[in-house]
């Protein structure tokens, strides 16, 4: 099953700016919104300043659906890790 990261990389390979034909870089692709049934929309904006070129790409998140809901235990464990972090969020992740 493909993850969101895989879908973003695939969008990067498949899409280009319709005005200048420039291929997009990963920093040009943003997660715009999430919807029910495990889908998301990605916005892709050309950074060369063209009149806004935004492409919405539906993405199916099969892995997210199989992961199930976040439990109370997971929330408390993550909260504890955040509280123990000294300097950076990188310690938590």
C-alpha atoms as a PDB file:
ATOM      1  CA  UNK A   1       0.000   0.000   0.000  1.00  0.00           C
ATOM      2  CA  UNK A   2       1.173   3.484  -0.819  1.00  0.00           C
ATOM      3  CA  UNK A   3       1.649   6.085   1.875  1.00  0.00           C
ATOM      4  CA  UNK A   4       0.937   9.803   1.638  1.00  0.00           C
ATOM      5  CA  UNK A   5       4.649  10.377   1.118  1.00  0.00           C
ATOM      6  CA  UNK A   6       4.597   7.987  -1.867  1.00  0.00           C
ATOM      7  CA  UNK A   7       1.578   9.808  -3.330  1.00  0.00           C
ATOM      8  CA  UNK A   8       3.314  13.184  -2.969  1.00  0.00           C
ATOM      9  CA  UNK A   9       6.434  11.877  -4.723  1.00  0.00           C
ATOM     10  CA  UNK A  10       4.281  10.436  -7.515  1.00  0.00           C
ATOM     11  CA  UNK A  11       2.498  13.782  -7.929  1.00  0.00           C
ATOM     12  CA  UNK A  12       5.901  15.459  -8.156  1.00  0.00           C
ATOM     13  CA  UNK A  13       6.890  13.105 -10.994  1.00  0.00           C
ATOM     14  CA  UNK A  14       3.593  13.361 -12.889  1.00  0.00           C
ATOM     15  CA  UNK A  15       2.828  17.083 -12.711  1.00  0.00           C
ATOM     16  CA  UNK A  16       4.337  20.179 -14.284  1.00  0.00           C
ATOM     17  CA  UNK A  17       3.318  23.818 -14.516  1.00  0.00           C
ATOM     18  CA  UNK A  18       0.907  24.284 -17.432  1.00  0.00           C
ATOM     19  CA  UNK A  19       2.378  27.752 -18.139  1.00  0.00           C
ATOM     20  CA  UNK A  20       6.156  27.191 -18.078  1.00  0.00           C
ATOM     21  CA  UNK A  21       6.309  23.347 -18.072  1.00  0.00           C
ATOM     22  CA  UNK A  22       8.584  23.494 -15.018  1.00  0.00           C
ATOM     23  CA  UNK A  23       8.571  20.306 -12.975  1.00  0.00           C
ATOM     24  CA  UNK A  24       7.617  20.801  -9.363  1.00  0.00           C
ATOM     25  CA  UNK A  25       9.889  20.263  -6.395  1.00  0.00           C
ATOM     26  CA  UNK A  26       8.705  18.698  -3.147  1.00  0.00           C
ATOM     27  CA  UNK A  27       8.567  22.116  -1.477  1.00  0.00           C
ATOM     28  CA  UNK A  28       5.991  23.201  -4.094  1.00  0.00           C
ATOM     29  CA  UNK A  29       3.518  20.518  -2.967  1.00  0.00           C
ATOM     30  CA  UNK A  30       1.378  21.124   0.110  1.00  0.00           C
ATOM     31  CA  UNK A  31      -1.314  19.145   1.858  1.00  0.00           C
ATOM     32  CA  UNK A  32      -4.391  21.316   1.444  1.00  0.00           C
ATOM     33  CA  UNK A  33      -7.080  19.348   3.261  1.00  0.00           C
ATOM     34  CA  UNK A  34      -8.205  15.951   4.483  1.00  0.00           C
ATOM     35  CA  UNK A  35     -11.617  14.467   3.800  1.00  0.00           C
ATOM     36  CA  UNK A  36     -13.573  11.519   5.104  1.00  0.00           C
ATOM     37  CA  UNK A  37     -12.888   8.054   3.754  1.00  0.00           C
ATOM     38  CA  UNK A  38      -9.129   8.564   3.900  1.00  0.00           C
ATOM     39  CA  UNK A  39      -8.515  11.056   1.143  1.00  0.00           C
ATOM     40  CA  UNK A  40      -6.576  14.289   0.995  1.00  0.00           C
ATOM     41  CA  UNK A  41      -6.055  17.124  -1.450  1.00  0.00           C
ATOM     42  CA  UNK A  42      -2.623  18.358  -2.435  1.00  0.00           C
ATOM     43  CA  UNK A  43      -2.084  21.840  -3.789  1.00  0.00           C
ATOM     44  CA  UNK A  44       0.737  22.355  -6.247  1.00  0.00           C
ATOM     45  CA  UNK A  45       1.801  25.943  -6.852  1.00  0.00           C
ATOM     46  CA  UNK A  46       4.394  27.103  -9.354  1.00  0.00           C
ATOM     47  CA  UNK A  47       7.001  29.166  -7.509  1.00  0.00           C
ATOM     48  CA  UNK A  48       7.913  31.239 -10.565  1.00  0.00           C
ATOM     49  CA  UNK A  49       5.205  33.774  -9.805  1.00  0.00           C
ATOM     50  CA  UNK A  50       2.709  32.877 -12.497  1.00  0.00           C
ATOM     51  CA  UNK A  51      -0.908  33.736 -11.997  1.00  0.00           C
ATOM     52  CA  UNK A  52      -1.869  31.191  -9.330  1.00  0.00           C
ATOM     53  CA  UNK A  53      -1.565  27.718 -10.733  1.00  0.00           C
ATOM     54  CA  UNK A  54      -3.093  25.356  -8.207  1.00  0.00           C
ATOM     55  CA  UNK A  55      -3.809  21.727  -8.989  1.00  0.00           C
ATOM     56  CA  UNK A  56      -5.847  19.684  -6.536  1.00  0.00           C
ATOM     57  CA  UNK A  57      -4.869  16.043  -6.550  1.00  0.00           C
ATOM     58  CA  UNK A  58      -7.075  13.530  -4.715  1.00  0.00           C
ATOM     59  CA  UNK A  59      -5.022  11.038  -2.713  1.00  0.00           C
ATOM     60  CA  UNK A  60      -6.328   7.849  -1.153  1.00  0.00           C
ATOM     61  CA  UNK A  61      -4.751   7.097   2.197  1.00  0.00           C
ATOM     62  CA  UNK A  62      -5.204   3.355   2.553  1.00  0.00           C
ATOM     63  CA  UNK A  63      -2.514   3.086   5.238  1.00  0.00           C
ATOM     64  CA  UNK A  64      -4.218   5.719   7.381  1.00  0.00           C
ATOM     65  CA  UNK A  65      -7.497   3.827   7.191  1.00  0.00           C
ATOM     66  CA  UNK A  66      -5.894   0.569   8.309  1.00  0.00           C
ATOM     67  CA  UNK A  67      -4.111   2.267  11.223  1.00  0.00           C
ATOM     68  CA  UNK A  68      -7.383   2.927  13.038  1.00  0.00           C
ATOM     69  CA  UNK A  69      -8.211   5.728  15.452  1.00  0.00           C
ATOM     70  CA  UNK A  70      -5.697   7.218  17.886  1.00  0.00           C
ATOM     71  CA  UNK A  71      -6.232   5.753  21.345  1.00  0.00           C
ATOM     72  CA  UNK A  72      -6.218   7.577  24.681  1.00  0.00           C
ATOM     73  CA  UNK A  73      -3.066   5.665  25.621  1.00  0.00           C
ATOM     74  CA  UNK A  74      -1.236   6.865  22.494  1.00  0.00           C
ATOM     75  CA  UNK A  75      -2.224  10.472  23.225  1.00  0.00           C
ATOM     76  CA  UNK A  76      -0.998  10.263  26.828  1.00  0.00           C
ATOM     77  CA  UNK A  77       2.277   8.598  25.788  1.00  0.00           C
ATOM     78  CA  UNK A  78       2.941  11.277  23.170  1.00  0.00           C
ATOM     79  CA  UNK A  79       2.048  14.018  25.650  1.00  0.00           C
ATOM     80  CA  UNK A  80       4.541  12.578  28.133  1.00  0.00           C
ATOM     81  CA  UNK A  81       7.258  12.542  25.449  1.00  0.00           C
ATOM     82  CA  UNK A  82       6.555  16.195  24.653  1.00  0.00           C
ATOM     83  CA  UNK A  83       6.779  17.128  28.331  1.00  0.00           C
ATOM     84  CA  UNK A  84      10.164  15.396  28.670  1.00  0.00           C
ATOM     85  CA  UNK A  85      11.683  17.083  25.591  1.00  0.00           C
ATOM     86  CA  UNK A  86      14.309  19.648  26.550  1.00  0.00           C
ATOM     87  CA  UNK A  87      15.207  21.645  23.477  1.00  0.00           C
ATOM     88  CA  UNK A  88      13.651  20.412  20.274  1.00  0.00           C
ATOM     89  CA  UNK A  89      10.601  18.704  18.827  1.00  0.00           C
ATOM     90  CA  UNK A  90      13.087  16.385  17.054  1.00  0.00           C
ATOM     91  CA  UNK A  91      13.533  14.613  20.393  1.00  0.00           C
ATOM     92  CA  UNK A  92       9.848  13.736  20.372  1.00  0.00           C
ATOM     93  CA  UNK A  93       9.701  12.542  16.792  1.00  0.00           C
END
